[in-house]
Amino acid sequence: ETLGLDRLRALAELFAGDFLDGLELDRSPHFGSWLTAQRRRFGACHVAALEHIIGLLPCGADEAGAYIDKWLELAPFDGRAHVALLENLARRG
């Protein structure tokens, strides 16, 4: 089942910062490894939600820029995000 645009927007808003931000247990390297993996996984889910939102928005939608900016913040080396940015800028003139 695919999520509609409104549900994807609501999902993207639920991501606020890193998973368990500020929690570090120096004496538990296994927990630290698990936490790092979970943060990466949730970050990837957030990026996927943003990418889907951008794909569902009407061509040249004003709100696309904010989603693309967040995508670039989360994954600055993701070439797809840069392509989306350039396409969005080209559509807007």
PDB file of N, CA and C in Angstrom:
ATOM      1  N   GLU A   1       0.852  -1.176   0.000  1.00  0.00           N
ATOM      2  CA  GLU A   1       0.000   0.000   0.000  1.00  0.00           C
ATOM      3  C   GLU A   1       0.900   1.243   0.000  1.00  0.00           C
ATOM      4  N   THR A   2       0.570   2.183  -0.838  1.00  0.00           N
ATOM      5  CA  THR A   2       1.329   3.430  -0.876  1.00  0.00           C
ATOM      6  C   THR A   2       0.580   4.505  -0.099  1.00  0.00           C
ATOM      7  N   LEU A   3       1.339   5.384   0.495  1.00  0.00           N
ATOM      8  CA  LEU A   3       0.753   6.477   1.263  1.00  0.00           C
ATOM      9  C   LEU A   3       0.471   7.650   0.345  1.00  0.00           C
ATOM     10  N   GLY A   4      -0.617   8.336   0.600  1.00  0.00           N
ATOM     11  CA  GLY A   4      -0.939   9.535  -0.152  1.00  0.00           C
ATOM     12  C   GLY A   4      -0.095  10.708   0.315  1.00  0.00           C
ATOM     13  N   LEU A   5      -0.201  11.787  -0.408  1.00  0.00           N
ATOM     14  CA  LEU A   5       0.608  12.968  -0.131  1.00  0.00           C
ATOM     15  C   LEU A   5       0.379  13.509   1.279  1.00  0.00           C
ATOM     16  N   ASP A   6      -0.864  13.584   1.710  1.00  0.00           N
ATOM     17  CA  ASP A   6      -1.146  14.125   3.048  1.00  0.00           C
ATOM     18  C   ASP A   6      -0.550  13.253   4.152  1.00  0.00           C
ATOM     19  N   ARG A   7      -0.639  11.943   3.987  1.00  0.00           N
ATOM     20  CA  ARG A   7      -0.075  11.040   5.002  1.00  0.00           C
ATOM     21  C   ARG A   7       1.447  11.094   5.001  1.00  0.00           C
ATOM     22  N   LEU A   8       2.041  11.244   3.818  1.00  0.00           N
ATOM     23  CA  LEU A   8       3.498  11.377   3.752  1.00  0.00           C
ATOM     24  C   LEU A   8       3.961  12.672   4.412  1.00  0.00           C
ATOM     25  N   ARG A   9       3.209  13.749   4.197  1.00  0.00           N
ATOM     26  CA  ARG A   9       3.550  15.018   4.858  1.00  0.00           C
ATOM     27  C   ARG A   9       3.507  14.852   6.375  1.00  0.00           C
ATOM     28  N   ALA A  10       2.448  14.215   6.865  1.00  0.00           N
ATOM     29  CA  ALA A  10       2.313  13.999   8.309  1.00  0.00           C
ATOM     30  C   ALA A  10       3.455  13.126   8.829  1.00  0.00           C
ATOM     31  N   LEU A  11       3.820  12.110   8.074  1.00  0.00           N
ATOM     32  CA  LEU A  11       4.929  11.243   8.465  1.00  0.00           C
ATOM     33  C   LEU A  11       6.236  12.023   8.528  1.00  0.00           C
ATOM     34  N   ALA A  12       6.504  12.839   7.530  1.00  0.00           N
ATOM     35  CA  ALA A  12       7.750  13.614   7.492  1.00  0.00           C
ATOM     36  C   ALA A  12       7.844  14.576   8.670  1.00  0.00           C
ATOM     37  N   GLU A  13       6.711  15.090   9.123  1.00  0.00           N
ATOM     38  CA  GLU A  13       6.714  16.013  10.258  1.00  0.00           C
ATOM     39  C   GLU A  13       7.056  15.311  11.572  1.00  0.00           C
ATOM     40  N   LEU A  14       6.862  14.000  11.624  1.00  0.00           N
ATOM     41  CA  LEU A  14       7.160  13.255  12.850  1.00  0.00           C
ATOM     42  C   LEU A  14       8.659  13.119  13.103  1.00  0.00           C
ATOM     43  N   PHE A  15       9.448  13.245  12.057  1.00  0.00           N
ATOM     44  CA  PHE A  15      10.899  13.160  12.217  1.00  0.00           C
ATOM     45  C   PHE A  15      11.405  14.500  12.740  1.00  0.00           C
ATOM     46  N   ALA A  16      11.899  14.483  13.959  1.00  0.00           N
ATOM     47  CA  ALA A  16      12.404  15.722  14.564  1.00  0.00           C
ATOM     48  C   ALA A  16      13.743  15.421  15.227  1.00  0.00           C
ATOM     49  N   GLY A  17      14.808  15.670  14.521  1.00  0.00           N
ATOM     50  CA  GLY A  17      16.131  15.419  15.076  1.00  0.00           C
ATOM     51  C   GLY A  17      16.507  13.952  15.021  1.00  0.00           C
ATOM     52  N   ASP A  18      17.668  13.658  15.568  1.00  0.00           N
ATOM     53  CA  ASP A  18      18.153  12.283  15.593  1.00  0.00           C
ATOM     54  C   ASP A  18      17.369  11.449  16.595  1.00  0.00           C
ATOM     55  N   PHE A  19      17.274  10.175  16.328  1.00  0.00           N
ATOM     56  CA  PHE A  19      16.645   9.221  17.227  1.00  0.00           C
ATOM     57  C   PHE A  19      17.395   9.228  18.561  1.00  0.00           C
ATOM     58  N   LEU A  20      16.672   9.391  19.646  1.00  0.00           N
ATOM     59  CA  LEU A  20      17.244   9.451  21.002  1.00  0.00           C
ATOM     60  C   LEU A  20      18.394  10.449  21.086  1.00  0.00           C
ATOM     61  N   ASP A  21      18.170  11.604  20.500  1.00  0.00           N
ATOM     62  CA  ASP A  21      19.190  12.653  20.464  1.00  0.00           C
ATOM     63  C   ASP A  21      19.637  13.022  21.877  1.00  0.00           C
ATOM     64  N   GLY A  22      20.934  13.076  22.075  1.00  0.00           N
ATOM     65  CA  GLY A  22      21.503  13.438  23.368  1.00  0.00           C
ATOM     66  C   GLY A  22      21.792  12.256  24.272  1.00  0.00           C
ATOM     67  N   LEU A  23      21.295  11.082  23.912  1.00  0.00           N
ATOM     68  CA  LEU A  23      21.523   9.900  24.741  1.00  0.00           C
ATOM     69  C   LEU A  23      22.775   9.177  24.267  1.00  0.00           C
ATOM     70  N   GLU A  24      23.743   9.091  25.118  1.00  0.00           N
ATOM     71  CA  GLU A  24      24.984   8.362  24.841  1.00  0.00           C
ATOM     72  C   GLU A  24      25.365   7.612  26.110  1.00  0.00           C
ATOM     73  N   LEU A  25      25.698   6.356  25.979  1.00  0.00           N
ATOM     74  CA  LEU A  25      26.145   5.551  27.117  1.00  0.00           C
ATOM     75  C   LEU A  25      27.585   5.137  26.858  1.00  0.00           C
ATOM     76  N   ASP A  26      28.507   5.840  27.488  1.00  0.00           N
ATOM     77  CA  ASP A  26      29.931   5.618  27.244  1.00  0.00           C
ATOM     78  C   ASP A  26      30.386   4.200  27.579  1.00  0.00           C
ATOM     79  N   ARG A  27      29.748   3.584  28.526  1.00  0.00           N
ATOM     80  CA  ARG A  27      30.195   2.255  28.973  1.00  0.00           C
ATOM     81  C   ARG A  27      29.540   1.117  28.196  1.00  0.00           C
ATOM     82  N   SER A  28      28.816   1.444  27.160  1.00  0.00           N
ATOM     83  CA  SER A  28      28.130   0.400  26.403  1.00  0.00           C
ATOM     84  C   SER A  28      28.350   0.590  24.907  1.00  0.00           C
ATOM     85  N   PRO A  29      29.473   0.093  24.391  1.00  0.00           N
ATOM     86  CA  PRO A  29      29.740   0.256  22.963  1.00  0.00           C
ATOM     87  C   PRO A  29      28.720  -0.467  22.082  1.00  0.00           C
ATOM     88  N   HIS A  30      28.149  -1.567  22.578  1.00  0.00           N
ATOM     89  CA  HIS A  30      27.137  -2.274  21.790  1.00  0.00           C
ATOM     90  C   HIS A  30      25.888  -1.409  21.627  1.00  0.00           C
ATOM     91  N   PHE A  31      25.508  -0.739  22.701  1.00  0.00           N
ATOM     92  CA  PHE A  31      24.368   0.172  22.611  1.00  0.00           C
ATOM     93  C   PHE A  31      24.685   1.313  21.656  1.00  0.00           C
ATOM     94  N   GLY A  32      25.892   1.836  21.722  1.00  0.00           N
ATOM     95  CA  GLY A  32      26.293   2.915  20.825  1.00  0.00           C
ATOM     96  C   GLY A  32      26.226   2.495  19.368  1.00  0.00           C
ATOM     97  N   SER A  33      26.653   1.277  19.082  1.00  0.00           N
ATOM     98  CA  SER A  33      26.582   0.758  17.710  1.00  0.00           C
ATOM     99  C   SER A  33      25.139   0.605  17.260  1.00  0.00           C
ATOM    100  N   TRP A  34      24.302   0.056  18.145  1.00  0.00           N
ATOM    101  CA  TRP A  34      22.886  -0.098  17.826  1.00  0.00           C
ATOM    102  C   TRP A  34      22.238   1.261  17.586  1.00  0.00           C
ATOM    103  N   LEU A  35      22.535   2.222  18.446  1.00  0.00           N
ATOM    104  CA  LEU A  35      21.954   3.552  18.332  1.00  0.00           C
ATOM    105  C   LEU A  35      22.368   4.224  17.025  1.00  0.00           C
ATOM    106  N   THR A  36      23.618   4.098  16.656  1.00  0.00           N
ATOM    107  CA  THR A  36      24.092   4.668  15.391  1.00  0.00           C
ATOM    108  C   THR A  36      23.357   4.041  14.213  1.00  0.00           C
ATOM    109  N   ALA A  37      23.188   2.721  14.245  1.00  0.00           N
ATOM    110  CA  ALA A  37      22.474   2.031  13.167  1.00  0.00           C
ATOM    111  C   ALA A  37      21.023   2.489  13.084  1.00  0.00           C
ATOM    112  N   GLN A  38      20.378   2.656  14.237  1.00  0.00           N
ATOM    113  CA  GLN A  38      18.981   3.098  14.240  1.00  0.00           C
ATOM    114  C   GLN A  38      18.854   4.527  13.728  1.00  0.00           C
ATOM    115  N   ARG A  39      19.775   5.380  14.106  1.00  0.00           N
ATOM    116  CA  ARG A  39      19.750   6.764  13.625  1.00  0.00           C
ATOM    117  C   ARG A  39      19.904   6.810  12.111  1.00  0.00           C
ATOM    118  N   ARG A  40      20.784   5.973  11.586  1.00  0.00           N
ATOM    119  CA  ARG A  40      20.953   5.920  10.129  1.00  0.00           C
ATOM    120  C   ARG A  40      19.694   5.395   9.456  1.00  0.00           C
ATOM    121  N   ARG A  41      19.093   4.380  10.047  1.00  0.00           N
ATOM    122  CA  ARG A  41      17.877   3.786   9.477  1.00  0.00           C
ATOM    123  C   ARG A  41      16.733   4.791   9.465  1.00  0.00           C
ATOM    124  N   PHE A  42      16.523   5.483  10.578  1.00  0.00           N
ATOM    125  CA  PHE A  42      15.458   6.481  10.623  1.00  0.00           C
ATOM    126  C   PHE A  42      15.754   7.651   9.697  1.00  0.00           C
ATOM    127  N   GLY A  43      17.027   8.018   9.580  1.00  0.00           N
ATOM    128  CA  GLY A  43      17.399   9.069   8.636  1.00  0.00           C
ATOM    129  C   GLY A  43      17.082   8.670   7.210  1.00  0.00           C
ATOM    130  N   ALA A  44      17.357   7.411   6.873  1.00  0.00           N
ATOM    131  CA  ALA A  44      17.047   6.914   5.530  1.00  0.00           C
ATOM    132  C   ALA A  44      15.537   6.895   5.291  1.00  0.00           C
ATOM    133  N   CYS A  45      14.764   6.554   6.308  1.00  0.00           N
ATOM    134  CA  CYS A  45      13.301   6.579   6.182  1.00  0.00           C
ATOM    135  C   CYS A  45      12.801   8.000   5.954  1.00  0.00           C
ATOM    136  N   HIS A  46      13.387   8.945   6.661  1.00  0.00           N
ATOM    137  CA  HIS A  46      13.008  10.349   6.504  1.00  0.00           C
ATOM    138  C   HIS A  46      13.318  10.818   5.087  1.00  0.00           C
ATOM    139  N   VAL A  47      14.502  10.491   4.597  1.00  0.00           N
ATOM    140  CA  VAL A  47      14.893  10.860   3.234  1.00  0.00           C
ATOM    141  C   VAL A  47      13.931  10.237   2.227  1.00  0.00           C
ATOM    142  N   ALA A  48      13.580   8.965   2.416  1.00  0.00           N
ATOM    143  CA  ALA A  48      12.659   8.296   1.495  1.00  0.00           C
ATOM    144  C   ALA A  48      11.296   8.980   1.489  1.00  0.00           C
ATOM    145  N   ALA A  49      10.817   9.375   2.663  1.00  0.00           N
ATOM    146  CA  ALA A  49       9.530  10.078   2.733  1.00  0.00           C
ATOM    147  C   ALA A  49       9.603  11.409   1.996  1.00  0.00           C
ATOM    148  N   LEU A  50      10.686  12.149   2.197  1.00  0.00           N
ATOM    149  CA  LEU A  50      10.850  13.435   1.510  1.00  0.00           C
ATOM    150  C   LEU A  50      10.906  13.246  -0.002  1.00  0.00           C
ATOM    151  N   GLU A  51      11.633  12.238  -0.447  1.00  0.00           N
ATOM    152  CA  GLU A  51      11.744  11.973  -1.885  1.00  0.00           C
ATOM    153  C   GLU A  51      10.375  11.633  -2.475  1.00  0.00           C
ATOM    154  N   HIS A  52       9.595  10.836  -1.769  1.00  0.00           N
ATOM    155  CA  HIS A  52       8.255  10.485  -2.254  1.00  0.00           C
ATOM    156  C   HIS A  52       7.347  11.711  -2.295  1.00  0.00           C
ATOM    157  N   ILE A  53       7.427  12.545  -1.270  1.00  0.00           N
ATOM    158  CA  ILE A  53       6.616  13.767  -1.248  1.00  0.00           C
ATOM    159  C   ILE A  53       6.927  14.618  -2.467  1.00  0.00           C
ATOM    160  N   ILE A  54       8.199  14.831  -2.724  1.00  0.00           N
ATOM    161  CA  ILE A  54       8.614  15.661  -3.856  1.00  0.00           C
ATOM    162  C   ILE A  54       8.111  15.063  -5.161  1.00  0.00           C
ATOM    163  N   GLY A  55       8.152  13.744  -5.263  1.00  0.00           N
ATOM    164  CA  GLY A  55       7.668  13.079  -6.469  1.00  0.00           C
ATOM    165  C   GLY A  55       6.169  13.202  -6.670  1.00  0.00           C
ATOM    166  N   LEU A  56       5.420  13.357  -5.588  1.00  0.00           N
ATOM    167  CA  LEU A  56       3.964  13.458  -5.682  1.00  0.00           C
ATOM    168  C   LEU A  56       3.460  14.889  -5.831  1.00  0.00           C
ATOM    169  N   LEU A  57       4.298  15.855  -5.511  1.00  0.00           N
ATOM    170  CA  LEU A  57       3.864  17.252  -5.610  1.00  0.00           C
ATOM    171  C   LEU A  57       3.666  17.650  -7.067  1.00  0.00           C
ATOM    172  N   PRO A  58       2.720  18.535  -7.320  1.00  0.00           N
ATOM    173  CA  PRO A  58       2.536  19.031  -8.686  1.00  0.00           C
ATOM    174  C   PRO A  58       3.801  19.728  -9.183  1.00  0.00           C
ATOM    175  N   CYS A  59       4.025  19.657 -10.455  1.00  0.00           N
ATOM    176  CA  CYS A  59       5.205  20.261 -11.072  1.00  0.00           C
ATOM    177  C   CYS A  59       5.294  21.746 -10.716  1.00  0.00           C
ATOM    178  N   GLY A  60       6.426  22.147 -10.165  1.00  0.00           N
ATOM    179  CA  GLY A  60       6.650  23.548  -9.827  1.00  0.00           C
ATOM    180  C   GLY A  60       5.985  24.016  -8.546  1.00  0.00           C
ATOM    181  N   ALA A  61       5.542  23.085  -7.698  1.00  0.00           N
ATOM    182  CA  ALA A  61       4.880  23.459  -6.440  1.00  0.00           C
ATOM    183  C   ALA A  61       5.833  24.260  -5.557  1.00  0.00           C
ATOM    184  N   ASP A  62       5.308  25.318  -4.962  1.00  0.00           N
ATOM    185  CA  ASP A  62       6.119  26.188  -4.106  1.00  0.00           C
ATOM    186  C   ASP A  62       6.723  25.446  -2.919  1.00  0.00           C
ATOM    187  N   GLU A  63       5.974  24.517  -2.347  1.00  0.00           N
ATOM    188  CA  GLU A  63       6.435  23.834  -1.140  1.00  0.00           C
ATOM    189  C   GLU A  63       7.555  22.828  -1.405  1.00  0.00           C
ATOM    190  N   ALA A  64       7.807  22.480  -2.652  1.00  0.00           N
ATOM    191  CA  ALA A  64       8.850  21.492  -2.968  1.00  0.00           C
ATOM    192  C   ALA A  64      10.214  21.953  -2.469  1.00  0.00           C
ATOM    193  N   GLY A  65      10.485  23.235  -2.546  1.00  0.00           N
ATOM    194  CA  GLY A  65      11.786  23.761  -2.138  1.00  0.00           C
ATOM    195  C   GLY A  65      12.132  23.433  -0.699  1.00  0.00           C
ATOM    196  N   ALA A  66      11.174  23.541   0.199  1.00  0.00           N
ATOM    197  CA  ALA A  66      11.425  23.254   1.614  1.00  0.00           C
ATOM    198  C   ALA A  66      11.746  21.775   1.825  1.00  0.00           C
ATOM    199  N   TYR A  67      11.029  20.905   1.128  1.00  0.00           N
ATOM    200  CA  TYR A  67      11.294  19.470   1.250  1.00  0.00           C
ATOM    201  C   TYR A  67      12.657  19.114   0.658  1.00  0.00           C
ATOM    202  N   ILE A  68      13.008  19.730  -0.450  1.00  0.00           N
ATOM    203  CA  ILE A  68      14.310  19.476  -1.065  1.00  0.00           C
ATOM    204  C   ILE A  68      15.430  19.978  -0.154  1.00  0.00           C
ATOM    205  N   ASP A  69      15.241  21.146   0.440  1.00  0.00           N
ATOM    206  CA  ASP A  69      16.252  21.677   1.366  1.00  0.00           C
ATOM    207  C   ASP A  69      16.483  20.725   2.539  1.00  0.00           C
ATOM    208  N   LYS A  70      15.408  20.180   3.085  1.00  0.00           N
ATOM    209  CA  LYS A  70      15.538  19.237   4.203  1.00  0.00           C
ATOM    210  C   LYS A  70      16.250  17.972   3.744  1.00  0.00           C
ATOM    211  N   TRP A  71      15.912  17.499   2.545  1.00  0.00           N
ATOM    212  CA  TRP A  71      16.558  16.314   1.984  1.00  0.00           C
ATOM    213  C   TRP A  71      18.067  16.549   1.867  1.00  0.00           C
ATOM    214  N   LEU A  72      18.438  17.709   1.352  1.00  0.00           N
ATOM    215  CA  LEU A  72      19.859  18.032   1.208  1.00  0.00           C
ATOM    216  C   LEU A  72      20.558  18.168   2.561  1.00  0.00           C
ATOM    217  N   GLU A  73      19.830  18.657   3.551  1.00  0.00           N
ATOM    218  CA  GLU A  73      20.400  18.764   4.898  1.00  0.00           C
ATOM    219  C   GLU A  73      20.699  17.376   5.472  1.00  0.00           C
ATOM    220  N   LEU A  74      19.789  16.442   5.231  1.00  0.00           N
ATOM    221  CA  LEU A  74      19.950  15.088   5.760  1.00  0.00           C
ATOM    222  C   LEU A  74      20.947  14.250   4.961  1.00  0.00           C
ATOM    223  N   ALA A  75      21.007  14.491   3.660  1.00  0.00           N
ATOM    224  CA  ALA A  75      21.864  13.683   2.781  1.00  0.00           C
ATOM    225  C   ALA A  75      22.563  14.586   1.769  1.00  0.00           C
ATOM    226  N   PRO A  76      23.552  15.360   2.230  1.00  0.00           N
ATOM    227  CA  PRO A  76      24.176  16.358   1.351  1.00  0.00           C
ATOM    228  C   PRO A  76      24.915  15.776   0.150  1.00  0.00           C
ATOM    229  N   PHE A  77      25.242  14.496   0.176  1.00  0.00           N
ATOM    230  CA  PHE A  77      25.971  13.888  -0.936  1.00  0.00           C
ATOM    231  C   PHE A  77      25.073  13.018  -1.818  1.00  0.00           C
ATOM    232  N   ASP A  78      23.763  13.099  -1.609  1.00  0.00           N
ATOM    233  CA  ASP A  78      22.811  12.320  -2.404  1.00  0.00           C
ATOM    234  C   ASP A  78      22.572  13.043  -3.728  1.00  0.00           C
ATOM    235  N   GLY A  79      23.052  12.464  -4.798  1.00  0.00           N
ATOM    236  CA  GLY A  79      22.925  13.081  -6.114  1.00  0.00           C
ATOM    237  C   GLY A  79      21.484  13.301  -6.533  1.00  0.00           C
ATOM    238  N   ARG A  80      20.575  12.415  -6.101  1.00  0.00           N
ATOM    239  CA  ARG A  80      19.156  12.570  -6.455  1.00  0.00           C
ATOM    240  C   ARG A  80      18.576  13.852  -5.869  1.00  0.00           C
ATOM    241  N   ALA A  81      19.028  14.215  -4.688  1.00  0.00           N
ATOM    242  CA  ALA A  81      18.551  15.454  -4.067  1.00  0.00           C
ATOM    243  C   ALA A  81      19.020  16.661  -4.859  1.00  0.00           C
ATOM    244  N   HIS A  82      20.239  16.614  -5.343  1.00  0.00           N
ATOM    245  CA  HIS A  82      20.765  17.727  -6.135  1.00  0.00           C
ATOM    246  C   HIS A  82      20.055  17.827  -7.482  1.00  0.00           C
ATOM    247  N   VAL A  83      19.738  16.679  -8.073  1.00  0.00           N
ATOM    248  CA  VAL A  83      18.971  16.682  -9.324  1.00  0.00           C
ATOM    249  C   VAL A  83      17.587  17.278  -9.076  1.00  0.00           C
ATOM    250  N   ALA A  84      16.944  16.885  -7.976  1.00  0.00           N
ATOM    251  CA  ALA A  84      15.624  17.428  -7.644  1.00  0.00           C
ATOM    252  C   ALA A  84      15.693  18.937  -7.443  1.00  0.00           C
ATOM    253  N   LEU A  85      16.752  19.409  -6.798  1.00  0.00           N
ATOM    254  CA  LEU A  85      16.926  20.848  -6.587  1.00  0.00           C
ATOM    255  C   LEU A  85      17.060  21.573  -7.917  1.00  0.00           C
ATOM    256  N   LEU A  86      17.916  21.063  -8.786  1.00  0.00           N
ATOM    257  CA  LEU A  86      18.120  21.716 -10.082  1.00  0.00           C
ATOM    258  C   LEU A  86      16.856  21.681 -10.936  1.00  0.00           C
ATOM    259  N   GLU A  87      16.141  20.561 -10.923  1.00  0.00           N
ATOM    260  CA  GLU A  87      14.884  20.480 -11.675  1.00  0.00           C
ATOM    261  C   GLU A  87      13.859  21.463 -11.127  1.00  0.00           C
ATOM    262  N   ASN A  88      13.785  21.573  -9.811  1.00  0.00           N
ATOM    263  CA  ASN A  88      12.839  22.504  -9.196  1.00  0.00           C
ATOM    264  C   ASN A  88      13.185  23.947  -9.555  1.00  0.00           C
ATOM    265  N   LEU A  89      14.456  24.281  -9.514  1.00  0.00           N
ATOM    266  CA  LEU A  89      14.881  25.637  -9.878  1.00  0.00           C
ATOM    267  C   LEU A  89      14.601  25.922 -11.349  1.00  0.00           C
ATOM    268  N   ALA A  90      14.825  24.939 -12.206  1.00  0.00           N
ATOM    269  CA  ALA A  90      14.572  25.126 -13.638  1.00  0.00           C
ATOM    270  C   ALA A  90      13.088  25.348 -13.910  1.00  0.00           C
ATOM    271  N   ARG A  91      12.229  24.625 -13.206  1.00  0.00           N
ATOM    272  CA  ARG A  91      10.776  24.789 -13.391  1.00  0.00           C
ATOM    273  C   ARG A  91      10.297  26.168 -12.941  1.00  0.00           C
ATOM    274  N   ARG A  92      10.954  26.672 -11.918  1.00  0.00           N
ATOM    275  CA  ARG A  92      10.514  27.952 -11.350  1.00  0.00           C
ATOM    276  C   ARG A  92      11.106  29.139 -12.083  1.00  0.00           C
ATOM    277  N   GLY A  93      12.080  28.876 -12.947  1.00  0.00           N
ATOM    278  CA  GLY A  93      12.678  29.952 -13.751  1.00  0.00           C
ATOM    279  C   GLY A  93      13.706  30.658 -12.989  1.00  0.00           C
TER     280      GLY A  93
END
